[in-house]
Every structure is written in structure tokens, then in C-alpha cells.
């Protein structure tokens, strides 16, 4: 049996996922990072994108869309703290596409209006979240 680590994906509303896994692959702001058991302790910032967990001797993989957040790594545990997270199979891809298109349009309007930076940043965060959902749902569910 392969060595495992506990992976928890948590949002403010709920625990999205908790399971013993062999590897976690996460989208950090500095690039994708893979975490195996006995990894050096780490805290890093996540960007919106695809998060994967491998288990069952690497044969099985589960995909998640995450909105960004933080990842904390211990010797035998990975905690993902995200504002939003969704397992690929539960993403409504059509709804996510519509929201992505709506936020892209809103972002263009804000740029034309020279809106406040905070408003543009908030819109961009939402846009990236819906883009991540669409990408994960289209390719993984």
C-alpha cells in the first residue's frame, strides 16, 4: 500500500472534500505544485484553477475547480482553504459559461468606464472563478 496523506478542501460554507490521497496537485500563483506524503511544511497562495487529487495507487483522480485561496502542507496533511471550490462532476457547465460571459462583459464595461480598481479586482476574481469552473467541467466531467 502506498503512503498517503489526508487532503481537506474547505470553503467558508462547508467541507468540500476530505480523504486519504497519495498526491495533491494544486495551482499556485507561482505555478502548479505537486504534494506527496512527507512533503516539507509549506503555506502558499493558490490561484483560480484546477486542483487534482490522486489515490488508489495513482489509478484514480478527482478534479476540483478552486477560486484561489491558500494551501497549508504538513508532513501527512494538506489543507486547501478556498473561497469557492467544486468537484468537477457537480459543476453546471452551462450556468458557469453564462456567468463567465456575464463577468467578461462586465469587466469590459468597467474598463471602458475607468472604474475604481477595487471594483475591477472584484469582478476579475469572479471572472477567474467561473473560467476555472468552465475549464474543469468541460475537460474533466
Protein backbone atom coordinates (compact mmCIF):
# COMPACT_ATOMS: atom_id res chain seq x y z
CA UNK A 1 0.00 0.00 0.00
CA UNK A 2 1.30 3.42 -0.93
CA UNK A 3 1.89 6.04 1.70
CA UNK A 4 -0.96 8.58 1.96
CA UNK A 5 -1.78 11.99 3.33
CA UNK A 6 -5.06 13.50 4.43
CA UNK A 7 -6.45 16.09 1.99
CA UNK A 8 -9.14 18.54 3.09
CA UNK A 9 -10.73 21.13 0.80
CA UNK A 10 -12.63 23.68 2.85
CA UNK A 11 -14.71 26.76 1.99
CA UNK A 12 -16.40 29.15 4.44
CA UNK A 13 -19.69 27.30 3.87
CA UNK A 14 -18.63 23.66 4.04
CA UNK A 15 -16.05 20.92 3.81
CA UNK A 16 -15.98 20.10 0.10
CA UNK A 17 -13.69 17.07 0.31
CA UNK A 18 -11.79 15.02 2.85
CA UNK A 19 -9.98 11.80 2.02
CA UNK A 20 -6.70 9.93 2.25
CA UNK A 21 -4.82 10.55 -1.02
CA UNK A 22 -1.42 9.83 -2.48
CA UNK A 23 -0.84 13.18 -4.20
CA UNK A 24 -2.33 16.66 -4.45
CA UNK A 25 -1.62 18.85 -7.49
CA UNK A 26 -2.59 22.48 -6.95
CA UNK A 27 -2.48 25.74 -8.96
CA UNK A 28 -0.32 28.19 -7.05
CA UNK A 29 0.46 31.76 -8.07
CA UNK A 30 4.00 30.59 -8.90
CA UNK A 31 2.87 27.59 -10.96
CA UNK A 32 1.48 24.13 -10.42
CA UNK A 33 2.83 22.20 -7.42
CA UNK A 34 2.58 18.51 -6.54
CA UNK A 35 2.45 17.42 -2.92
CA UNK A 36 3.38 13.89 -1.81
CA UNK A 37 3.45 12.39 1.69
CA UNK A 38 6.35 13.61 3.84
CA UNK A 39 6.48 16.92 1.93
CA UNK A 40 8.25 19.75 3.68
CA UNK A 41 5.83 22.04 5.56
CA UNK A 42 4.53 24.77 3.30
CA UNK A 43 1.98 27.57 3.14
CA UNK A 44 1.30 29.00 -0.31
CA UNK A 45 -1.22 31.13 -2.17
CA UNK A 46 -3.46 29.41 -4.71
CA UNK A 47 -4.82 30.93 -7.89
CA UNK A 48 -8.11 30.06 -9.55
CA UNK A 49 -7.78 26.82 -11.47
CA UNK A 50 -7.82 23.05 -11.45
CA UNK A 51 -6.88 21.08 -8.34
CA UNK A 52 -6.34 17.31 -8.61
CA UNK A 53 -6.06 14.55 -6.04
CA UNK A 54 -4.68 11.09 -6.88
CA UNK A 55 -5.39 7.93 -4.90
CA UNK A 56 -5.70 4.13 -5.28
CA UNK A 57 -2.08 3.67 -6.41
CA UNK A 58 -2.41 6.66 -8.75
CA UNK A 59 -5.18 4.97 -10.77
CA UNK A 60 -7.96 7.29 -9.66
CA UNK A 61 -8.06 11.08 -9.87
CA UNK A 62 -10.65 13.59 -8.71
CA UNK A 63 -10.74 17.09 -10.18
CA UNK A 64 -11.89 20.27 -8.49
CA UNK A 65 -12.25 23.88 -9.53
CA UNK A 66 -10.94 26.28 -6.89
CA UNK A 67 -11.29 30.04 -6.81
CA UNK A 68 -7.91 30.62 -5.24
CA UNK A 69 -7.07 30.76 -1.58
CA UNK A 70 -4.35 29.11 0.48
CA UNK A 71 -2.78 25.70 0.82
CA UNK A 72 -1.18 24.52 4.03
CA UNK A 73 1.01 21.41 3.88
CA UNK A 74 2.13 19.29 6.81
CA UNK A 75 4.04 16.01 6.73
CA UNK A 76 0.84 13.97 6.42
CA UNK A 77 -1.90 16.53 5.70
CA UNK A 78 -2.86 19.08 3.03
CA UNK A 79 -5.49 21.71 3.79
CA UNK A 80 -6.94 23.77 0.95
CA UNK A 81 -8.71 26.91 2.16
CA UNK A 82 -10.66 28.44 -0.71
CA UNK A 83 -13.46 30.96 -1.01
CA UNK A 84 -15.10 28.60 -3.53
CA UNK A 85 -14.44 25.01 -4.57
CA UNK A 86 -16.44 22.50 -6.57
CA UNK A 87 -15.89 18.91 -7.67
CA UNK A 88 -15.90 18.64 -11.48
CA UNK A 89 -18.87 16.28 -11.66
CA UNK A 90 -21.09 18.74 -9.78
CA UNK A 91 -20.38 21.84 -11.88
CA UNK A 92 -23.26 23.05 -14.05
CA UNK A 93 -21.14 23.91 -17.09
CA UNK A 94 -23.86 25.87 -18.91
CA UNK A 95 -24.52 28.04 -15.85
CA UNK A 96 -20.78 28.57 -15.39
CA UNK A 97 -20.41 29.59 -19.06
CA UNK A 98 -23.23 32.11 -18.76
CA UNK A 99 -21.73 33.58 -15.58
CA UNK A 100 -18.26 33.71 -17.18
CA UNK A 101 -19.65 35.57 -20.20
CA UNK A 102 -21.59 37.96 -17.97
CA UNK A 103 -18.50 38.77 -15.89
CA UNK A 104 -16.33 39.17 -19.02
CA UNK A 105 -18.86 41.67 -20.37
CA UNK A 106 -18.96 43.46 -17.01
CA UNK A 107 -15.16 43.59 -16.92
CA UNK A 108 -15.06 45.22 -20.36
CA UNK A 109 -17.65 47.78 -19.23
CA UNK A 110 -15.66 48.59 -16.10
CA UNK A 111 -12.50 49.16 -18.14
CA UNK A 112 -14.38 51.44 -20.56
CA UNK A 113 -15.76 53.44 -17.62
CA UNK A 114 -12.36 53.63 -15.91
CA UNK A 115 -14.00 52.19 -12.80
CA UNK A 116 -12.32 52.04 -9.42
CA UNK A 117 -9.53 49.46 -9.15
CA UNK A 118 -11.26 47.67 -6.27
CA UNK A 119 -14.38 47.14 -8.38
CA UNK A 120 -12.30 45.83 -11.30
CA UNK A 121 -10.37 43.50 -8.98
CA UNK A 122 -13.58 42.06 -7.50
CA UNK A 123 -15.01 41.47 -10.97
CA UNK A 124 -11.78 39.81 -12.13
CA UNK A 125 -11.79 37.43 -9.15
CA UNK A 126 -15.32 36.32 -10.02
CA UNK A 127 -14.42 36.03 -13.71
CA UNK A 128 -11.40 33.80 -12.93
CA UNK A 129 -13.59 31.58 -10.69
CA UNK A 130 -16.14 30.99 -13.44
CA UNK A 131 -13.39 30.44 -16.03
CA UNK A 132 -11.87 27.77 -13.76
CA UNK A 133 -15.25 26.06 -13.39
CA UNK A 134 -15.82 26.01 -17.15
CA UNK A 135 -12.35 24.62 -17.85
CA UNK A 136 -12.59 21.89 -15.24
CA UNK A 137 -16.18 20.92 -16.13
CA UNK A 138 -15.52 20.80 -19.88
CA UNK A 139 -12.39 18.69 -19.63
CA UNK A 140 -12.98 16.52 -16.56
CA UNK A 141 -16.66 15.73 -16.03
